[in-house]
């Protein structure tokens, strides 16, 4: 199964938020999965700003902290 991103992830996150399932500290796993996909594409394209945003999202998940909303927005909207 392919990781979801974009609209599908936002709909899933809104549903989870309504159900109270989103944790307050760690980055959302769907955002991290999308960050890995975007990181690969950004590397291919030489998009340094996106590369750094992806790294921050991935690092936040590894450290158990919250990723910046601007970074998550860039990752989730990258392929639009």
PDB file of N, CA and C in Angstrom:
ATOM      1  N   UNK A   1       0.839  -1.181   0.000  1.00  0.00           N
ATOM      2  CA  UNK A   1       0.000   0.000   0.000  1.00  0.00           C
ATOM      3  C   UNK A   1       0.880   1.238   0.000  1.00  0.00           C
ATOM      4  N   UNK A   2       0.563   2.180  -0.861  1.00  0.00           N
ATOM      5  CA  UNK A   2       1.339   3.405  -0.949  1.00  0.00           C
ATOM      6  C   UNK A   2       0.963   4.362   0.175  1.00  0.00           C
ATOM      7  N   UNK A   3       1.939   5.112   0.693  1.00  0.00           N
ATOM      8  CA  UNK A   3       1.615   6.112   1.708  1.00  0.00           C
ATOM      9  C   UNK A   3       0.715   7.191   1.118  1.00  0.00           C
ATOM     10  N   UNK A   4      -0.158   7.707   1.921  1.00  0.00           N
ATOM     11  CA  UNK A   4      -1.051   8.771   1.474  1.00  0.00           C
ATOM     12  C   UNK A   4      -0.465  10.122   1.825  1.00  0.00           C
ATOM     13  N   UNK A   5      -0.776  11.111   1.014  1.00  0.00           N
ATOM     14  CA  UNK A   5      -0.365  12.470   1.318  1.00  0.00           C
ATOM     15  C   UNK A   5      -1.367  13.424   0.706  1.00  0.00           C
ATOM     16  N   UNK A   6      -1.201  14.695   0.970  1.00  0.00           N
ATOM     17  CA  UNK A   6      -2.095  15.708   0.417  1.00  0.00           C
ATOM     18  C   UNK A   6      -3.456  15.674   1.058  1.00  0.00           C
ATOM     19  N   UNK A   7      -4.489  15.726   0.226  1.00  0.00           N
ATOM     20  CA  UNK A   7      -5.867  15.800   0.699  1.00  0.00           C
ATOM     21  C   UNK A   7      -6.247  14.590   1.536  1.00  0.00           C
ATOM     22  N   UNK A   8      -5.806  13.405   1.123  1.00  0.00           N
ATOM     23  CA  UNK A   8      -6.151  12.189   1.868  1.00  0.00           C
ATOM     24  C   UNK A   8      -5.616  12.242   3.288  1.00  0.00           C
ATOM     25  N   UNK A   9      -4.402  12.751   3.460  1.00  0.00           N
ATOM     26  CA  UNK A   9      -3.809  12.840   4.792  1.00  0.00           C
ATOM     27  C   UNK A   9      -4.561  13.856   5.631  1.00  0.00           C
ATOM     28  N   UNK A  10      -4.879  15.016   5.055  1.00  0.00           N
ATOM     29  CA  UNK A  10      -5.594  16.038   5.829  1.00  0.00           C
ATOM     30  C   UNK A  10      -6.959  15.529   6.264  1.00  0.00           C
ATOM     31  N   UNK A  11      -7.679  14.827   5.386  1.00  0.00           N
ATOM     32  CA  UNK A  11      -8.976  14.269   5.764  1.00  0.00           C
ATOM     33  C   UNK A  11      -8.812  13.264   6.892  1.00  0.00           C
ATOM     34  N   UNK A  12      -7.791  12.413   6.788  1.00  0.00           N
ATOM     35  CA  UNK A  12      -7.527  11.420   7.835  1.00  0.00           C
ATOM     36  C   UNK A  12      -7.203  12.122   9.150  1.00  0.00           C
ATOM     37  N   UNK A  13      -6.369  13.166   9.094  1.00  0.00           N
ATOM     38  CA  UNK A  13      -5.985  13.880  10.307  1.00  0.00           C
ATOM     39  C   UNK A  13      -7.174  14.581  10.937  1.00  0.00           C
ATOM     40  N   UNK A  14      -8.047  15.151  10.114  1.00  0.00           N
ATOM     41  CA  UNK A  14      -9.234  15.810  10.661  1.00  0.00           C
ATOM     42  C   UNK A  14     -10.136  14.790  11.333  1.00  0.00           C
ATOM     43  N   UNK A  15     -10.290  13.619  10.728  1.00  0.00           N
ATOM     44  CA  UNK A  15     -11.112  12.571  11.333  1.00  0.00           C
ATOM     45  C   UNK A  15     -10.496  12.096  12.638  1.00  0.00           C
ATOM     46  N   UNK A  16      -9.178  11.907  12.654  1.00  0.00           N
ATOM     47  CA  UNK A  16      -8.504  11.472  13.876  1.00  0.00           C
ATOM     48  C   UNK A  16      -8.579  12.534  14.956  1.00  0.00           C
ATOM     49  N   UNK A  17      -8.469  13.793  14.574  1.00  0.00           N
ATOM     50  CA  UNK A  17      -8.540  14.876  15.556  1.00  0.00           C
ATOM     51  C   UNK A  17      -9.917  14.907  16.204  1.00  0.00           C
ATOM     52  N   UNK A  18     -10.937  14.677  15.397  1.00  0.00           N
ATOM     53  CA  UNK A  18     -12.292  14.659  15.937  1.00  0.00           C
ATOM     54  C   UNK A  18     -12.463  13.490  16.898  1.00  0.00           C
ATOM     55  N   UNK A  19     -11.776  12.404  16.621  1.00  0.00           N
ATOM     56  CA  UNK A  19     -11.880  11.232  17.484  1.00  0.00           C
ATOM     57  C   UNK A  19     -10.905  11.293  18.652  1.00  0.00           C
ATOM     58  N   UNK A  20     -10.048  12.315  18.681  1.00  0.00           N
ATOM     59  CA  UNK A  20      -9.096  12.464  19.767  1.00  0.00           C
ATOM     60  C   UNK A  20      -7.920  11.516  19.680  1.00  0.00           C
ATOM     61  N   UNK A  21      -7.544  11.091  18.466  1.00  0.00           N
ATOM     62  CA  UNK A  21      -6.499  10.097  18.306  1.00  0.00           C
ATOM     63  C   UNK A  21      -5.121  10.680  18.033  1.00  0.00           C
ATOM     64  N   UNK A  22      -5.002  11.973  17.779  1.00  0.00           N
ATOM     65  CA  UNK A  22      -3.701  12.552  17.452  1.00  0.00           C
ATOM     66  C   UNK A  22      -2.978  12.912  18.738  1.00  0.00           C
ATOM     67  N   UNK A  23      -1.729  12.445  18.847  1.00  0.00           N
ATOM     68  CA  UNK A  23      -0.913  12.763  20.008  1.00  0.00           C
ATOM     69  C   UNK A  23      -0.387  14.172  19.922  1.00  0.00           C
ATOM     70  N   UNK A  24      -0.073  14.779  21.033  1.00  0.00           N
ATOM     71  CA  UNK A  24       0.369  16.152  21.049  1.00  0.00           C
ATOM     72  C   UNK A  24       1.827  16.349  20.737  1.00  0.00           C
ATOM     73  N   UNK A  25       2.704  15.329  20.902  1.00  0.00           N
ATOM     74  CA  UNK A  25       4.128  15.558  20.775  1.00  0.00           C
ATOM     75  C   UNK A  25       4.748  15.178  19.460  1.00  0.00           C
ATOM     76  N   UNK A  26       4.587  13.965  19.030  1.00  0.00           N
ATOM     77  CA  UNK A  26       5.313  13.473  17.866  1.00  0.00           C
ATOM     78  C   UNK A  26       4.635  13.887  16.568  1.00  0.00           C
ATOM     79  N   UNK A  27       5.443  13.955  15.523  1.00  0.00           N
ATOM     80  CA  UNK A  27       4.919  14.271  14.202  1.00  0.00           C
ATOM     81  C   UNK A  27       3.985  13.155  13.750  1.00  0.00           C
ATOM     82  N   UNK A  28       2.955  13.499  12.998  1.00  0.00           N
ATOM     83  CA  UNK A  28       2.023  12.527  12.476  1.00  0.00           C
ATOM     84  C   UNK A  28       2.758  11.593  11.516  1.00  0.00           C
ATOM     85  N   UNK A  29       2.521  10.285  11.626  1.00  0.00           N
ATOM     86  CA  UNK A  29       3.241   9.305  10.813  1.00  0.00           C
ATOM     87  C   UNK A  29       3.004   9.525   9.325  1.00  0.00           C
ATOM     88  N   UNK A  30       1.800   9.910   8.928  1.00  0.00           N
ATOM     89  CA  UNK A  30       1.520  10.164   7.516  1.00  0.00           C
ATOM     90  C   UNK A  30       2.373  11.316   6.999  1.00  0.00           C
ATOM     91  N   UNK A  31       2.593  12.338   7.828  1.00  0.00           N
ATOM     92  CA  UNK A  31       3.440  13.460   7.431  1.00  0.00           C
ATOM     93  C   UNK A  31       4.881  13.006   7.246  1.00  0.00           C
ATOM     94  N   UNK A  32       5.326  12.109   8.096  1.00  0.00           N
ATOM     95  CA  UNK A  32       6.699  11.594   7.997  1.00  0.00           C
ATOM     96  C   UNK A  32       6.844  10.726   6.754  1.00  0.00           C
ATOM     97  N   UNK A  33       5.859   9.883   6.485  1.00  0.00           N
ATOM     98  CA  UNK A  33       5.900   9.066   5.275  1.00  0.00           C
ATOM     99  C   UNK A  33       5.945   9.951   4.034  1.00  0.00           C
ATOM    100  N   UNK A  34       5.127  10.986   4.023  1.00  0.00           N
ATOM    101  CA  UNK A  34       5.127  11.922   2.895  1.00  0.00           C
ATOM    102  C   UNK A  34       6.463  12.644   2.808  1.00  0.00           C
ATOM    103  N   UNK A  35       7.064  12.975   3.951  1.00  0.00           N
ATOM    104  CA  UNK A  35       8.348  13.676   3.955  1.00  0.00           C
ATOM    105  C   UNK A  35       9.426  12.850   3.271  1.00  0.00           C
ATOM    106  N   UNK A  36       9.406  11.526   3.463  1.00  0.00           N
ATOM    107  CA  UNK A  36      10.388  10.667   2.790  1.00  0.00           C
ATOM    108  C   UNK A  36      10.196  10.697   1.286  1.00  0.00           C
ATOM    109  N   UNK A  37       8.936  10.676   0.820  1.00  0.00           N
ATOM    110  CA  UNK A  37       8.659  10.745  -0.616  1.00  0.00           C
ATOM    111  C   UNK A  37       9.078  12.091  -1.199  1.00  0.00           C
ATOM    112  N   UNK A  38       8.741  13.157  -0.495  1.00  0.00           N
ATOM    113  CA  UNK A  38       9.095  14.500  -0.960  1.00  0.00           C
ATOM    114  C   UNK A  38      10.602  14.687  -0.935  1.00  0.00           C
ATOM    115  N   UNK A  39      11.268  14.144   0.077  1.00  0.00           N
ATOM    116  CA  UNK A  39      12.721  14.253   0.167  1.00  0.00           C
ATOM    117  C   UNK A  39      13.383  13.651  -1.069  1.00  0.00           C
ATOM    118  N   UNK A  40      12.908  12.503  -1.497  1.00  0.00           N
ATOM    119  CA  UNK A  40      13.474  11.871  -2.691  1.00  0.00           C
ATOM    120  C   UNK A  40      13.259  12.746  -3.927  1.00  0.00           C
ATOM    121  N   UNK A  41      12.041  13.259  -4.101  1.00  0.00           N
ATOM    122  CA  UNK A  41      11.753  14.113  -5.256  1.00  0.00           C
ATOM    123  C   UNK A  41      12.539  15.416  -5.192  1.00  0.00           C
ATOM    124  N   UNK A  42      12.608  16.017  -4.015  1.00  0.00           N
ATOM    125  CA  UNK A  42      13.326  17.282  -3.851  1.00  0.00           C
ATOM    126  C   UNK A  42      14.818  17.103  -4.124  1.00  0.00           C
ATOM    127  N   UNK A  43      15.371  15.973  -3.700  1.00  0.00           N
ATOM    128  CA  UNK A  43      16.771  15.680  -4.019  1.00  0.00           C
ATOM    129  C   UNK A  43      16.978  15.605  -5.517  1.00  0.00           C
ATOM    130  N   UNK A  44      16.068  14.925  -6.217  1.00  0.00           N
ATOM    131  CA  UNK A  44      16.170  14.801  -7.671  1.00  0.00           C
ATOM    132  C   UNK A  44      16.077  16.158  -8.362  1.00  0.00           C
ATOM    133  N   UNK A  45      15.250  17.032  -7.808  1.00  0.00           N
ATOM    134  CA  UNK A  45      15.028  18.353  -8.409  1.00  0.00           C
ATOM    135  C   UNK A  45      15.999  19.425  -7.913  1.00  0.00           C
ATOM    136  N   UNK A  46      16.758  19.115  -6.876  1.00  0.00           N
ATOM    137  CA  UNK A  46      17.669  20.110  -6.305  1.00  0.00           C
ATOM    138  C   UNK A  46      16.952  21.210  -5.536  1.00  0.00           C
ATOM    139  N   UNK A  47      15.795  20.880  -4.973  1.00  0.00           N
ATOM    140  CA  UNK A  47      14.986  21.837  -4.212  1.00  0.00           C
ATOM    141  C   UNK A  47      15.469  21.852  -2.756  1.00  0.00           C
ATOM    142  N   UNK A  48      16.431  22.716  -2.478  1.00  0.00           N
ATOM    143  CA  UNK A  48      17.087  22.727  -1.167  1.00  0.00           C
ATOM    144  C   UNK A  48      16.156  23.126  -0.024  1.00  0.00           C
ATOM    145  N   UNK A  49      15.236  24.038  -0.281  1.00  0.00           N
ATOM    146  CA  UNK A  49      14.293  24.444   0.770  1.00  0.00           C
ATOM    147  C   UNK A  49      13.404  23.264   1.183  1.00  0.00           C
ATOM    148  N   UNK A  50      12.924  22.516   0.197  1.00  0.00           N
ATOM    149  CA  UNK A  50      12.078  21.357   0.505  1.00  0.00           C
ATOM    150  C   UNK A  50      12.882  20.261   1.195  1.00  0.00           C
ATOM    151  N   UNK A  51      14.125  20.085   0.794  1.00  0.00           N
ATOM    152  CA  UNK A  51      14.988  19.084   1.438  1.00  0.00           C
ATOM    153  C   UNK A  51      15.125  19.395   2.923  1.00  0.00           C
ATOM    154  N   UNK A  52      15.394  20.644   3.244  1.00  0.00           N
ATOM    155  CA  UNK A  52      15.548  21.035   4.652  1.00  0.00           C
ATOM    156  C   UNK A  52      14.251  20.865   5.432  1.00  0.00           C
ATOM    157  N   UNK A  53      13.111  21.210   4.820  1.00  0.00           N
ATOM    158  CA  UNK A  53      11.819  21.042   5.494  1.00  0.00           C
ATOM    159  C   UNK A  53      11.548  19.564   5.778  1.00  0.00           C
ATOM    160  N   UNK A  54      11.846  18.715   4.803  1.00  0.00           N
ATOM    161  CA  UNK A  54      11.653  17.269   4.991  1.00  0.00           C
ATOM    162  C   UNK A  54      12.531  16.747   6.115  1.00  0.00           C
ATOM    163  N   UNK A  55      13.756  17.190   6.136  1.00  0.00           N
ATOM    164  CA  UNK A  55      14.671  16.745   7.191  1.00  0.00           C
ATOM    165  C   UNK A  55      14.169  17.162   8.568  1.00  0.00           C
ATOM    166  N   UNK A  56      13.613  18.373   8.655  1.00  0.00           N
ATOM    167  CA  UNK A  56      13.092  18.819   9.956  1.00  0.00           C
ATOM    168  C   UNK A  56      11.884  17.991  10.387  1.00  0.00           C
ATOM    169  N   UNK A  57      11.004  17.645   9.436  1.00  0.00           N
ATOM    170  CA  UNK A  57       9.831  16.817   9.763  1.00  0.00           C
ATOM    171  C   UNK A  57      10.282  15.431  10.214  1.00  0.00           C
ATOM    172  N   UNK A  58      11.223  14.844   9.489  1.00  0.00           N
ATOM    173  CA  UNK A  58      11.726  13.511   9.831  1.00  0.00           C
ATOM    174  C   UNK A  58      12.453  13.541  11.174  1.00  0.00           C
ATOM    175  N   UNK A  59      13.287  14.554  11.391  1.00  0.00           N
ATOM    176  CA  UNK A  59      13.999  14.676  12.663  1.00  0.00           C
ATOM    177  C   UNK A  59      13.040  14.840  13.836  1.00  0.00           C
ATOM    178  N   UNK A  60      11.969  15.607  13.625  1.00  0.00           N
ATOM    179  CA  UNK A  60      10.987  15.801  14.692  1.00  0.00           C
ATOM    180  C   UNK A  60      10.368  14.468  15.094  1.00  0.00           C
ATOM    181  N   UNK A  61      10.056  13.629  14.110  1.00  0.00           N
ATOM    182  CA  UNK A  61       9.478  12.321  14.418  1.00  0.00           C
ATOM    183  C   UNK A  61      10.477  11.452  15.166  1.00  0.00           C
ATOM    184  N   UNK A  62      11.727  11.486  14.736  1.00  0.00           N
ATOM    185  CA  UNK A  62      12.747  10.665  15.397  1.00  0.00           C
ATOM    186  C   UNK A  62      13.020  11.130  16.821  1.00  0.00           C
ATOM    187  N   UNK A  63      12.881  12.442  17.066  1.00  0.00           N
ATOM    188  CA  UNK A  63      13.130  13.000  18.395  1.00  0.00           C
ATOM    189  C   UNK A  63      11.881  13.022  19.268  1.00  0.00           C
ATOM    190  N   UNK A  64      10.729  12.669  18.710  1.00  0.00           N
ATOM    191  CA  UNK A  64       9.483  12.671  19.474  1.00  0.00           C
ATOM    192  C   UNK A  64       8.951  14.060  19.752  1.00  0.00           C
ATOM    193  N   UNK A  65       9.295  15.009  18.893  1.00  0.00           N
ATOM    194  CA  UNK A  65       8.811  16.377  19.050  1.00  0.00           C
ATOM    195  C   UNK A  65       7.851  16.719  17.922  1.00  0.00           C
ATOM    196  N   UNK A  66       7.233  17.873  18.009  1.00  0.00           N
ATOM    197  CA  UNK A  66       6.297  18.319  16.980  1.00  0.00           C
ATOM    198  C   UNK A  66       7.050  19.009  15.858  1.00  0.00           C
ATOM    199  N   UNK A  67       6.698  18.662  14.631  1.00  0.00           N
ATOM    200  CA  UNK A  67       7.277  19.329  13.466  1.00  0.00           C
ATOM    201  C   UNK A  67       6.595  20.681  13.289  1.00  0.00           C
ATOM    202  N   UNK A  68       7.324  21.628  12.738  1.00  0.00           N
ATOM    203  CA  UNK A  68       6.754  22.948  12.474  1.00  0.00           C
ATOM    204  C   UNK A  68       5.631  22.867  11.456  1.00  0.00           C
ATOM    205  N   UNK A  69       4.591  23.633  11.673  1.00  0.00           N
ATOM    206  CA  UNK A  69       3.432  23.562  10.781  1.00  0.00           C
ATOM    207  C   UNK A  69       3.785  23.994   9.358  1.00  0.00           C
ATOM    208  N   UNK A  70       4.684  24.951   9.196  1.00  0.00           N
ATOM    209  CA  UNK A  70       5.089  25.385   7.858  1.00  0.00           C
ATOM    210  C   UNK A  70       5.795  24.251   7.117  1.00  0.00           C
ATOM    211  N   UNK A  71       6.619  23.491   7.830  1.00  0.00           N
ATOM    212  CA  UNK A  71       7.316  22.364   7.216  1.00  0.00           C
ATOM    213  C   UNK A  71       6.330  21.270   6.814  1.00  0.00           C
ATOM    214  N   UNK A  72       5.391  20.964   7.691  1.00  0.00           N
ATOM    215  CA  UNK A  72       4.386  19.936   7.391  1.00  0.00           C
ATOM    216  C   UNK A  72       3.526  20.386   6.216  1.00  0.00           C
ATOM    217  N   UNK A  73       3.135  21.656   6.177  1.00  0.00           N
ATOM    218  CA  UNK A  73       2.334  22.175   5.062  1.00  0.00           C
ATOM    219  C   UNK A  73       3.094  22.067   3.747  1.00  0.00           C
ATOM    220  N   UNK A  74       4.395  22.380   3.756  1.00  0.00           N
ATOM    221  CA  UNK A  74       5.194  22.270   2.543  1.00  0.00           C
ATOM    222  C   UNK A  74       5.243  20.823   2.077  1.00  0.00           C
ATOM    223  N   UNK A  75       5.477  19.903   2.998  1.00  0.00           N
ATOM    224  CA  UNK A  75       5.571  18.489   2.650  1.00  0.00           C
ATOM    225  C   UNK A  75       4.250  17.980   2.078  1.00  0.00           C
ATOM    226  N   UNK A  76       3.148  18.272   2.743  1.00  0.00           N
ATOM    227  CA  UNK A  76       1.855  17.749   2.318  1.00  0.00           C
ATOM    228  C   UNK A  76       1.361  18.394   1.023  1.00  0.00           C
ATOM    229  N   UNK A  77       1.812  19.590   0.727  1.00  0.00           N
ATOM    230  CA  UNK A  77       1.378  20.269  -0.494  1.00  0.00           C
ATOM    231  C   UNK A  77       2.385  20.216  -1.626  1.00  0.00           C
ATOM    232  N   UNK A  78       3.442  19.474  -1.484  1.00  0.00           N
ATOM    233  CA  UNK A  78       4.553  19.517  -2.438  1.00  0.00           C
ATOM    234  C   UNK A  78       4.163  19.079  -3.845  1.00  0.00           C
ATOM    235  N   UNK A  79       3.349  18.050  -3.984  1.00  0.00           N
ATOM    236  CA  UNK A  79       3.039  17.513  -5.305  1.00  0.00           C
ATOM    237  C   UNK A  79       1.801  18.130  -5.936  1.00  0.00           C
ATOM    238  N   UNK A  80       1.306  19.179  -5.386  1.00  0.00           N
ATOM    239  CA  UNK A  80       0.124  19.846  -5.974  1.00  0.00           C
ATOM    240  C   UNK A  80       0.503  20.732  -7.094  1.00  0.00           C
TER     241      UNK A  80
END
